[in-house]
Amino acid sequence: MRQAGKIGPLEGFQAGAVTRQASATLTVATPGPGFTDITEAVAAFVRESGLRSGLVSVFCRHTSASLTIQENADPDVRVDLMTALDGLAPRHGQYVHGMEGPDDMPAHIRTMLTASGLSVPLREGRLALGTWQGIYLIEHRDRGHRRAVVLSALGA
């Protein structure tokens, strides 16, 4: 019989009123298919907001690009993830939708499999990401685009 994992007590519990909000749009020029690290740009937005605790929302305004939180140490992880997405939604599959090119429908599928929006907690004025985590915009089209990412933060 499998034992359940042990869950520790809550640490660093805080409560208080939401007293501040901030929003902005980040424009990301992608070089083509793959991952663009936007972690520092989101962290700069948080610093500019003046928030010490709360939540930041990161939202991609496109249906052929997406967002993810992934390992930021070994770039081979991102290469392998693109290979996996290529297998799940091949560029030249038998798709009905093709009016925007053969890379468009697989891009829509890849966006559906990943995320259009992310939420990251803020602690002590910083993104509460793990040691090896980064925030990435994933370009799913064959050529580069200018992508709009809406940032919104709430907290105190």
Protein backbone atom coordinates (compact mmCIF):
# COMPACT_ATOMS: atom_id res chain seq x y z
CA MET A 1 0.00 0.00 0.00
CA ARG A 2 1.33 3.43 -0.96
CA GLN A 3 1.81 5.93 1.86
CA ALA A 4 0.58 9.49 1.55
CA GLY A 5 3.18 12.27 1.54
CA LYS A 6 3.63 14.44 4.59
CA ILE A 7 2.33 18.00 4.36
CA GLY A 8 4.11 20.53 6.55
CA PRO A 9 2.67 23.57 8.28
CA LEU A 10 2.05 26.87 6.47
CA GLU A 11 5.09 29.14 6.48
CA GLY A 12 5.26 32.91 6.11
CA PHE A 13 1.50 33.41 6.32
CA GLN A 14 0.45 37.02 5.66
CA ALA A 15 -2.94 38.68 5.39
CA GLY A 16 -3.97 42.21 4.61
CA ALA A 17 -5.89 44.51 2.33
CA VAL A 18 -5.15 44.90 -1.36
CA THR A 19 -3.90 48.48 -1.49
CA ARG A 20 -2.16 48.77 -4.83
CA GLN A 21 -2.48 47.62 -8.40
CA ALA A 22 -0.41 48.08 -11.53
CA SER A 23 -0.72 47.08 -15.17
CA ALA A 24 1.35 47.39 -18.34
CA THR A 25 1.84 45.74 -21.72
CA LEU A 26 5.17 44.15 -22.57
CA THR A 27 6.06 43.83 -26.26
CA VAL A 28 8.27 40.85 -27.07
CA ALA A 29 9.94 40.49 -30.47
CA THR A 30 10.46 36.77 -30.98
CA PRO A 31 13.20 35.46 -33.29
CA GLY A 32 11.02 32.56 -34.51
CA PRO A 33 9.98 29.27 -32.95
CA GLY A 34 11.18 28.66 -29.43
CA PHE A 35 11.37 30.11 -25.95
CA THR A 36 12.04 33.75 -25.11
CA ASP A 37 12.89 34.36 -21.45
CA ILE A 38 10.75 37.24 -20.13
CA THR A 39 11.48 36.68 -16.43
CA GLU A 40 13.59 39.81 -15.97
CA ALA A 41 11.05 42.01 -17.77
CA VAL A 42 8.27 40.73 -15.48
CA ALA A 43 10.53 41.20 -12.42
CA ALA A 44 11.26 44.80 -13.54
CA PHE A 45 7.51 45.43 -13.81
CA VAL A 46 7.07 44.13 -10.25
CA ARG A 47 9.85 46.41 -8.98
CA GLU A 48 8.26 49.38 -10.78
CA SER A 49 4.86 48.55 -9.24
CA GLY A 50 6.22 48.96 -5.71
CA LEU A 51 4.32 45.90 -4.54
CA ARG A 52 5.88 43.84 -1.75
CA SER A 53 3.29 41.05 -1.69
CA GLY A 54 0.46 39.99 -3.93
CA LEU A 55 0.04 38.35 -7.30
CA VAL A 56 1.22 39.15 -10.81
CA SER A 57 -0.74 37.97 -13.82
CA VAL A 58 1.04 37.45 -17.15
CA PHE A 59 -1.26 37.10 -20.17
CA CYS A 60 -0.35 36.47 -23.83
CA ARG A 61 -2.76 38.17 -26.24
CA HIS A 62 -2.20 35.71 -29.09
CA THR A 63 -3.51 32.31 -30.22
CA SER A 64 -0.25 31.15 -31.82
CA ALA A 65 2.14 31.97 -28.96
CA SER A 66 1.91 31.01 -25.31
CA LEU A 67 3.48 31.20 -21.87
CA THR A 68 5.10 28.72 -19.54
CA ILE A 69 7.12 28.53 -16.36
CA GLN A 70 10.01 26.18 -17.01
CA GLU A 71 13.55 25.31 -16.01
CA ASN A 72 15.98 28.15 -16.66
CA ALA A 73 19.29 26.33 -16.01
CA ASP A 74 19.76 23.86 -18.86
CA PRO A 75 18.73 25.10 -22.35
CA ASP A 76 18.47 21.47 -23.47
CA VAL A 77 15.18 21.29 -21.54
CA ARG A 78 13.67 23.90 -23.87
CA VAL A 79 15.03 22.09 -26.93
CA ASP A 80 13.42 18.85 -25.73
CA LEU A 81 10.14 20.63 -24.99
CA MET A 82 10.04 22.03 -28.55
CA THR A 83 10.73 18.52 -29.86
CA ALA A 84 7.84 17.19 -27.77
CA LEU A 85 5.51 19.93 -29.05
CA ASP A 86 6.61 19.10 -32.62
CA GLY A 87 5.54 15.51 -31.99
CA LEU A 88 2.18 16.49 -30.46
CA ALA A 89 1.31 19.03 -33.15
CA PRO A 90 3.46 18.42 -36.24
CA ARG A 91 3.95 21.33 -38.64
CA HIS A 92 2.64 19.47 -41.69
CA GLY A 93 -0.26 17.47 -40.26
CA GLN A 94 -3.54 16.92 -42.07
CA TYR A 95 -5.24 20.12 -40.80
CA VAL A 96 -8.30 21.72 -42.38
CA HIS A 97 -7.37 25.26 -41.27
CA GLY A 98 -4.49 26.46 -43.42
CA MET A 99 -5.37 29.94 -44.67
CA GLU A 100 -2.54 31.52 -42.63
CA GLY A 101 0.06 28.94 -43.59
CA PRO A 102 1.03 25.40 -42.61
CA ASP A 103 2.50 26.53 -39.26
CA ASP A 104 -0.68 28.26 -38.04
CA MET A 105 -2.90 25.33 -37.00
CA PRO A 106 -0.10 23.50 -35.17
CA ALA A 107 0.61 26.81 -33.40
CA HIS A 108 -3.01 26.96 -32.21
CA ILE A 109 -2.78 23.38 -30.91
CA ARG A 110 0.50 24.10 -29.10
CA THR A 111 -1.03 27.19 -27.47
CA MET A 112 -3.97 25.08 -26.30
CA LEU A 113 -1.54 22.56 -24.77
CA THR A 114 0.47 25.20 -22.92
CA ALA A 115 -0.98 28.40 -21.39
CA SER A 116 -2.24 31.82 -22.39
CA GLY A 117 -1.94 33.14 -18.85
CA LEU A 118 0.13 32.59 -15.72
CA SER A 119 -0.11 33.80 -12.14
CA VAL A 120 2.96 34.20 -9.95
CA PRO A 121 2.88 35.13 -6.25
CA LEU A 122 4.94 38.06 -5.03
CA ARG A 123 6.91 37.84 -1.79
CA GLU A 124 9.10 40.61 -0.40
CA GLY A 125 8.82 42.52 -3.67
CA ARG A 126 10.03 39.61 -5.82
CA LEU A 127 8.54 36.89 -8.00
CA ALA A 128 8.14 33.79 -5.83
CA LEU A 129 9.63 31.51 -8.49
CA GLY A 130 11.66 28.47 -7.59
CA THR A 131 15.44 28.47 -7.97
CA TRP A 132 15.40 26.95 -11.45
CA GLN A 133 12.20 28.52 -12.78
CA GLY A 134 11.87 31.17 -15.47
CA ILE A 135 8.91 32.71 -17.31
CA TYR A 136 8.97 32.14 -21.05
CA LEU A 137 6.98 33.27 -24.05
CA ILE A 138 6.84 30.42 -26.56
CA GLU A 139 6.66 31.37 -30.22
CA HIS A 140 4.86 28.64 -32.16
CA ARG A 141 5.02 30.18 -35.66
CA ASP A 142 7.90 29.59 -38.11
CA ARG A 143 8.95 33.25 -38.18
CA GLY A 144 9.37 35.93 -35.56
CA HIS A 145 6.50 38.13 -34.43
CA ARG A 146 5.89 41.05 -32.10
CA ARG A 147 3.88 39.62 -29.22
CA ALA A 148 1.90 41.58 -26.64
CA VAL A 149 1.99 40.29 -23.06
CA VAL A 150 -0.31 42.04 -20.58
CA LEU A 151 1.01 42.31 -17.03
CA SER A 152 -1.23 43.01 -14.05
CA ALA A 153 -0.33 43.03 -10.38
CA LEU A 154 -2.46 43.29 -7.24
CA GLY A 155 -1.31 43.44 -3.67
CA ALA A 156 0.21 45.66 -1.04
